[in-house]
Amino acid sequence: MELRQLSYFVAVAEELSFTRASQRLRVVQSAVSTAIRALEREVGAELFDRDSRRVALTAAGAAMLPEARTALAAARAAAQAAAGASGEVRGAVTMGTLLSTGRVNVPRLLGRFSRRHPHAAVRLQYSPSGSAGHVRAVLDGRMDLALASLAGKVPAGLTHEIVTEEDLSLLAAPDHPLASRSGVTLADLAEESFVDFPVGWGNRTLVDRAFAGAGLSRQVPLEVSDYGTARALICQGLGIGFLPSGAAGNMAGVVPVPLAEPLRWSVSLIHATARPLSPAAAALLREVHAELGAELS
């Protein structure tokens, strides 16, 4: 069994598509198919159910996936440890980030990391399912580190530290009835239409839980995946919405409405407790701490 076969298997399992896996791996699709067939012969079981419309893991494939990820992570760690013996940080580290990261200036952070560790590489990723996707990716080894908004109880298996906190801003169009209010409660908002973000995003989870905790429901007819579009929809009077204060940006066309009990939004840096950080990931973690120190100084 070769590491190459395992990496191909993990790529297909995560993409659930031989085409997307080959694009991700930057190899021809026939090479991926050949490697998977050879791996299936070696383990004596089919790893995927495949037909013309879909690819899905079999029970054997699902059982093998976490072990394959562990084996690949161990191989990367071994290579990086050997390289680290020379004093140089080498290898790749995968980090998940968010649209809004508060005090963590990600471009500046990565620039400094690149200059200090020219032989290491950072793969920056966004999960379509937001912070919930980052948590899953960190726990199953697809991300080494991630910035995530953890609303409520911290999932088991995560080491986390809060790196930034701020209030969510409630925004409305200037001609919205709420725009002239000096303050509102969640109960005042129960009949409003909201512009919000997909389920799984940290700020969406925070707001949903606040309403549920107050025994209230709300209407979210418009879901978007970027702050600019959210502001534009709010500006047009299509709904009200909560955005992190630092991401609210230019307030032209929208009005902040004070909330009687502000919703506090936080971003944490997370990594898996049971999996030691590689030298490259540990170096990036140090750079995050340096970035926070620079922001505070």
Protein backbone atom coordinates (compact mmCIF):
# COMPACT_ATOMS: atom_id res chain seq x y z
CA MET A 1 0.00 0.00 0.00
CA GLU A 2 1.46 3.33 -1.08
CA LEU A 3 0.96 6.78 0.38
CA ARG A 4 0.01 7.94 -3.10
CA GLN A 5 -2.87 5.46 -3.15
CA LEU A 6 -4.04 6.67 0.26
CA SER A 7 -3.90 10.31 -0.80
CA TYR A 8 -5.95 9.52 -3.91
CA PHE A 9 -8.45 7.57 -1.80
CA VAL A 10 -8.85 10.45 0.69
CA ALA A 11 -9.31 12.96 -2.14
CA VAL A 12 -12.08 10.90 -3.76
CA ALA A 13 -13.72 10.29 -0.37
CA GLU A 14 -13.78 14.00 0.43
CA GLU A 15 -14.88 15.15 -3.00
CA LEU A 16 -17.21 12.20 -3.70
CA SER A 17 -16.19 12.63 -7.31
CA PHE A 18 -13.33 11.13 -9.31
CA THR A 19 -13.37 14.19 -11.57
CA ARG A 20 -13.07 16.72 -8.74
CA ALA A 21 -10.49 14.55 -6.97
CA SER A 22 -8.29 14.41 -10.08
CA GLN A 23 -8.57 18.19 -10.46
CA ARG A 24 -7.61 18.68 -6.82
CA LEU A 25 -4.68 16.27 -7.15
CA ARG A 26 -3.70 17.71 -10.54
CA VAL A 27 -3.46 14.30 -12.17
CA VAL A 28 -5.47 12.67 -14.93
CA GLN A 29 -8.66 10.95 -13.83
CA SER A 30 -7.53 7.57 -15.16
CA ALA A 31 -4.58 7.63 -12.76
CA VAL A 32 -6.92 8.15 -9.82
CA SER A 33 -9.23 5.35 -10.96
CA THR A 34 -6.30 2.97 -11.46
CA ALA A 35 -4.88 3.74 -8.02
CA ILE A 36 -8.25 3.20 -6.33
CA ARG A 37 -8.81 -0.13 -8.10
CA ALA A 38 -5.33 -1.28 -7.04
CA LEU A 39 -6.03 -0.24 -3.45
CA GLU A 40 -9.35 -2.10 -3.45
CA ARG A 41 -7.62 -5.25 -4.69
CA GLU A 42 -5.02 -4.90 -1.94
CA VAL A 43 -7.51 -4.48 0.90
CA GLY A 44 -9.92 -7.03 -0.58
CA ALA A 45 -12.98 -4.80 -0.50
CA GLU A 46 -14.71 -2.18 -2.58
CA LEU A 47 -14.18 1.27 -1.08
CA PHE A 48 -16.70 3.17 -3.20
CA ASP A 49 -20.13 2.58 -4.64
CA ARG A 50 -20.05 4.24 -8.04
CA ASP A 51 -22.47 4.63 -10.87
CA SER A 52 -23.00 7.18 -13.61
CA ARG A 53 -24.59 9.68 -11.24
CA ARG A 54 -22.88 9.43 -7.88
CA VAL A 55 -19.92 8.20 -5.85
CA ALA A 56 -20.40 7.12 -2.23
CA LEU A 57 -18.24 5.43 0.38
CA THR A 58 -18.99 1.81 1.18
CA ALA A 59 -18.88 0.62 4.78
CA ALA A 60 -15.30 -0.51 4.16
CA GLY A 61 -14.39 2.87 2.70
CA ALA A 62 -15.95 4.74 5.61
CA ALA A 63 -14.01 2.58 8.06
CA MET A 64 -10.77 3.12 6.18
CA LEU A 65 -11.06 6.91 5.77
CA PRO A 66 -10.02 8.07 9.27
CA GLU A 67 -7.13 5.60 9.31
CA ALA A 68 -5.96 6.78 5.89
CA ARG A 69 -6.02 10.38 7.07
CA THR A 70 -4.04 9.42 10.17
CA ALA A 71 -1.45 7.58 8.07
CA LEU A 72 -1.01 10.54 5.72
CA ALA A 73 -0.72 12.95 8.63
CA ALA A 74 1.90 10.72 10.25
CA ALA A 75 3.88 10.58 7.02
CA ARG A 76 3.80 14.38 6.72
CA ALA A 77 4.84 14.77 10.35
CA ALA A 78 7.74 12.35 9.88
CA ALA A 79 9.01 14.25 6.85
CA GLN A 80 8.66 17.58 8.60
CA ALA A 81 10.41 16.31 11.73
CA ALA A 82 13.36 15.16 9.65
CA ALA A 83 13.50 18.51 7.91
CA GLY A 84 13.16 20.29 11.25
CA ALA A 85 16.33 18.65 12.51
CA SER A 86 18.21 21.11 10.33
CA GLY A 87 16.48 24.01 12.05
CA GLU A 88 14.34 24.86 9.03
CA VAL A 89 10.55 24.69 9.05
CA ARG A 90 9.37 22.81 6.00
CA GLY A 91 6.18 21.24 4.76
CA ALA A 92 2.64 22.48 4.29
CA VAL A 93 0.05 23.59 6.80
CA THR A 94 -3.66 23.92 6.05
CA MET A 95 -5.52 26.71 7.82
CA GLY A 96 -9.21 27.51 7.73
CA THR A 97 -10.26 31.14 7.80
CA LEU A 98 -13.44 33.21 7.89
CA LEU A 99 -14.77 36.23 6.02
CA SER A 100 -14.31 38.28 9.19
CA THR A 101 -11.40 37.52 11.52
CA GLY A 102 -11.45 40.50 13.85
CA ARG A 103 -8.01 41.40 15.18
CA VAL A 104 -6.29 38.64 13.21
CA ASN A 105 -4.98 40.23 10.01
CA VAL A 106 -4.67 37.05 7.96
CA PRO A 107 -2.83 38.52 4.91
CA ARG A 108 -0.23 40.17 7.17
CA LEU A 109 0.07 36.97 9.21
CA LEU A 110 0.71 34.83 6.12
CA GLY A 111 3.15 37.36 4.69
CA ARG A 112 5.24 37.30 7.84
CA PHE A 113 5.10 33.51 8.01
CA SER A 114 6.25 33.22 4.39
CA ARG A 115 9.19 35.55 4.96
CA ARG A 116 10.32 33.75 8.10
CA HIS A 117 9.76 30.24 6.76
CA PRO A 118 10.36 30.32 2.99
CA HIS A 119 10.45 26.51 2.74
CA ALA A 120 7.00 26.08 4.30
CA ALA A 121 3.68 26.61 2.56
CA VAL A 122 0.25 27.58 3.85
CA ARG A 123 -2.94 26.35 2.20
CA LEU A 124 -5.74 28.75 3.14
CA GLN A 125 -9.28 27.37 2.93
CA TYR A 126 -12.85 28.54 3.48
CA SER A 127 -15.55 26.01 4.28
CA PRO A 128 -18.91 26.59 2.56
CA SER A 129 -20.55 25.55 5.83
CA GLY A 130 -18.60 28.12 7.82
CA SER A 131 -17.33 27.45 11.32
CA ALA A 132 -19.16 24.12 11.57
CA GLY A 133 -17.24 22.95 8.50
CA HIS A 134 -13.96 24.13 10.01
CA VAL A 135 -14.63 22.15 13.19
CA ARG A 136 -15.27 18.96 11.19
CA ALA A 137 -12.20 19.54 9.02
CA VAL A 138 -9.93 20.06 12.04
CA LEU A 139 -11.26 17.01 13.86
CA ASP A 140 -10.86 14.71 10.85
CA GLY A 141 -7.42 16.05 9.91
CA ARG A 142 -8.23 18.01 6.74
CA MET A 143 -7.18 21.25 8.43
CA ASP A 144 -4.30 21.71 10.86
CA LEU A 145 -5.57 24.98 12.32
CA ALA A 146 -8.68 27.05 11.79
CA LEU A 147 -10.33 30.26 12.83
CA ALA A 148 -13.90 29.46 13.87
CA SER A 149 -16.77 31.06 15.70
CA LEU A 150 -17.82 28.60 18.39
CA ALA A 151 -21.29 29.50 19.62
CA GLY A 152 -22.19 27.51 22.71
CA LYS A 153 -20.37 24.44 23.98
CA VAL A 154 -16.95 23.74 22.49
CA PRO A 155 -16.97 20.39 20.63
CA ALA A 156 -15.03 17.57 22.25
CA GLY A 157 -11.55 16.99 20.88
CA LEU A 158 -10.76 20.64 20.17
CA THR A 159 -8.11 22.85 21.69
CA HIS A 160 -9.24 26.44 21.33
CA GLU A 161 -8.36 29.96 22.34
CA ILE A 162 -10.45 33.05 21.73
CA VAL A 163 -8.53 35.49 19.55
CA THR A 164 -11.12 38.22 19.07
CA GLU A 165 -14.51 39.29 20.40
CA GLU A 166 -16.96 41.94 19.28
CA ASP A 167 -20.68 42.68 19.26
CA LEU A 168 -22.89 41.82 16.34
CA SER A 169 -24.37 44.94 14.74
CA LEU A 170 -28.07 44.91 13.88
CA LEU A 171 -28.50 46.74 10.56
CA ALA A 172 -31.60 48.09 8.83
CA ALA A 173 -32.37 50.29 5.83
CA PRO A 174 -32.70 54.02 6.66
CA ASP A 175 -36.44 53.99 5.93
CA HIS A 176 -37.11 50.83 7.93
CA PRO A 177 -39.42 51.38 10.94
CA LEU A 178 -36.68 50.11 13.27
CA ALA A 179 -34.12 52.64 12.01
CA SER A 180 -35.48 55.42 14.23
CA ARG A 181 -35.63 53.29 17.36
CA SER A 182 -33.25 54.07 20.21
CA GLY A 183 -33.16 50.42 21.17
CA VAL A 184 -34.88 47.10 20.48
CA THR A 185 -35.21 43.67 22.06
CA LEU A 186 -35.24 40.30 20.34
CA ALA A 187 -39.00 40.18 20.87
CA ASP A 188 -39.30 43.37 18.80
CA LEU A 189 -37.65 41.53 15.90
CA ALA A 190 -39.71 38.34 15.92
CA GLU A 191 -41.95 39.40 13.02
CA GLU A 192 -39.16 40.82 10.87
CA SER A 193 -37.61 39.21 7.79
CA PHE A 194 -33.89 38.59 8.10
CA VAL A 195 -30.96 38.54 5.73
CA ASP A 196 -28.58 35.99 7.22
CA PHE A 197 -25.85 33.48 6.50
CA PRO A 198 -26.07 29.71 5.96
CA VAL A 199 -26.74 27.33 8.83
CA GLY A 200 -23.39 26.34 10.32
CA TRP A 201 -21.87 29.82 10.18
CA GLY A 202 -20.93 30.98 13.67
CA ASN A 203 -22.81 34.28 13.58
CA ARG A 204 -25.95 32.52 12.27
CA THR A 205 -25.69 29.94 15.07
CA LEU A 206 -25.27 32.67 17.69
CA VAL A 207 -28.38 34.54 16.52
CA ASP A 208 -30.46 31.37 16.12
CA ARG A 209 -29.61 30.27 19.66
CA ALA A 210 -30.38 33.70 21.10
CA PHE A 211 -33.85 33.66 19.56
CA ALA A 212 -34.48 30.05 20.58
CA GLY A 213 -33.32 30.84 24.13
CA ALA A 214 -35.87 33.65 24.26
CA GLY A 215 -38.60 31.31 23.04
CA LEU A 216 -38.82 33.14 19.72
CA SER A 217 -38.70 32.09 16.08
CA ARG A 218 -37.69 34.26 13.14
CA GLN A 219 -37.98 34.33 9.36
CA VAL A 220 -34.83 34.05 7.24
CA PRO A 221 -35.97 34.17 3.60
CA LEU A 222 -32.60 35.40 2.31
CA GLU A 223 -29.35 33.51 2.93
CA VAL A 224 -26.07 34.82 1.52
CA SER A 225 -22.42 33.91 1.90
CA ASP A 226 -20.69 37.29 1.94
CA TYR A 227 -21.04 40.46 3.94
CA GLY A 228 -21.19 42.82 0.97
CA THR A 229 -24.27 41.12 -0.45
CA ALA A 230 -25.88 41.05 2.99
CA ARG A 231 -25.39 44.81 3.39
CA ALA A 232 -26.73 45.45 -0.12
CA LEU A 233 -29.90 43.44 0.53
CA ILE A 234 -30.44 45.17 3.86
CA CYS A 235 -29.91 48.55 2.17
CA GLN A 236 -32.72 47.71 -0.28
CA GLY A 237 -35.13 47.04 2.57
CA LEU A 238 -35.33 43.31 1.90
CA GLY A 239 -34.67 42.45 5.52
CA ILE A 240 -32.68 43.33 8.60
CA GLY A 241 -29.54 41.48 9.61
CA PHE A 242 -26.76 40.94 12.11
CA LEU A 243 -23.14 41.41 11.04
CA PRO A 244 -19.95 41.43 13.12
CA SER A 245 -19.22 45.06 13.98
CA GLY A 246 -15.82 44.92 12.31
CA ALA A 247 -17.35 43.53 9.12
CA ALA A 248 -20.22 46.01 8.94
CA GLY A 249 -17.82 48.28 7.05
CA ASN A 250 -19.13 51.35 5.29
CA MET A 251 -22.47 52.18 6.88
CA ALA A 252 -23.71 54.12 3.84
CA GLY A 253 -27.20 52.92 3.04
CA VAL A 254 -27.77 51.10 6.33
CA VAL A 255 -28.44 52.17 9.91
CA PRO A 256 -27.20 50.40 13.06
CA VAL A 257 -30.04 49.68 15.49
CA PRO A 258 -29.03 49.36 19.17
CA LEU A 259 -29.92 46.02 20.74
CA ALA A 260 -30.93 46.10 24.41
CA GLU A 261 -28.80 43.03 25.13
CA PRO A 262 -25.99 42.91 22.56
CA LEU A 263 -24.99 39.56 21.07
CA ARG A 264 -21.29 38.93 21.66
CA TRP A 265 -19.53 37.21 18.75
CA SER A 266 -16.11 35.61 19.15
CA VAL A 267 -13.54 33.95 16.92
CA SER A 268 -11.34 31.15 18.24
CA LEU A 269 -8.21 29.51 16.90
CA ILE A 270 -8.76 25.75 16.99
CA HIS A 271 -6.76 22.58 16.44
CA ALA A 272 -7.26 18.92 17.29
CA THR A 273 -6.28 18.04 20.86
CA ALA A 274 -5.31 14.44 20.09
CA ARG A 275 -3.13 15.23 17.07
CA PRO A 276 0.24 16.95 17.69
CA LEU A 277 0.85 19.99 15.53
CA SER A 278 3.43 19.57 12.79
CA PRO A 279 6.46 21.89 12.95
CA ALA A 280 4.91 24.03 10.21
CA ALA A 281 1.56 24.24 12.00
CA ALA A 282 3.27 25.05 15.30
CA ALA A 283 5.23 27.81 13.58
CA LEU A 284 2.02 29.24 12.13
CA LEU A 285 0.41 29.14 15.58
CA ARG A 286 3.33 31.19 16.92
CA GLU A 287 2.76 33.70 14.13
CA VAL A 288 -0.89 34.05 15.13
CA HIS A 289 0.21 34.86 18.67
CA ALA A 290 2.73 37.36 17.29
CA GLU A 291 0.00 38.93 15.15
CA LEU A 292 -2.22 39.37 18.19
CA GLY A 293 0.66 40.88 20.13
CA ALA A 294 1.36 43.33 17.29
CA GLU A 295 -2.31 44.31 17.16
CA LEU A 296 -2.37 45.04 20.89
CA SER A 297 0.90 46.98 20.97
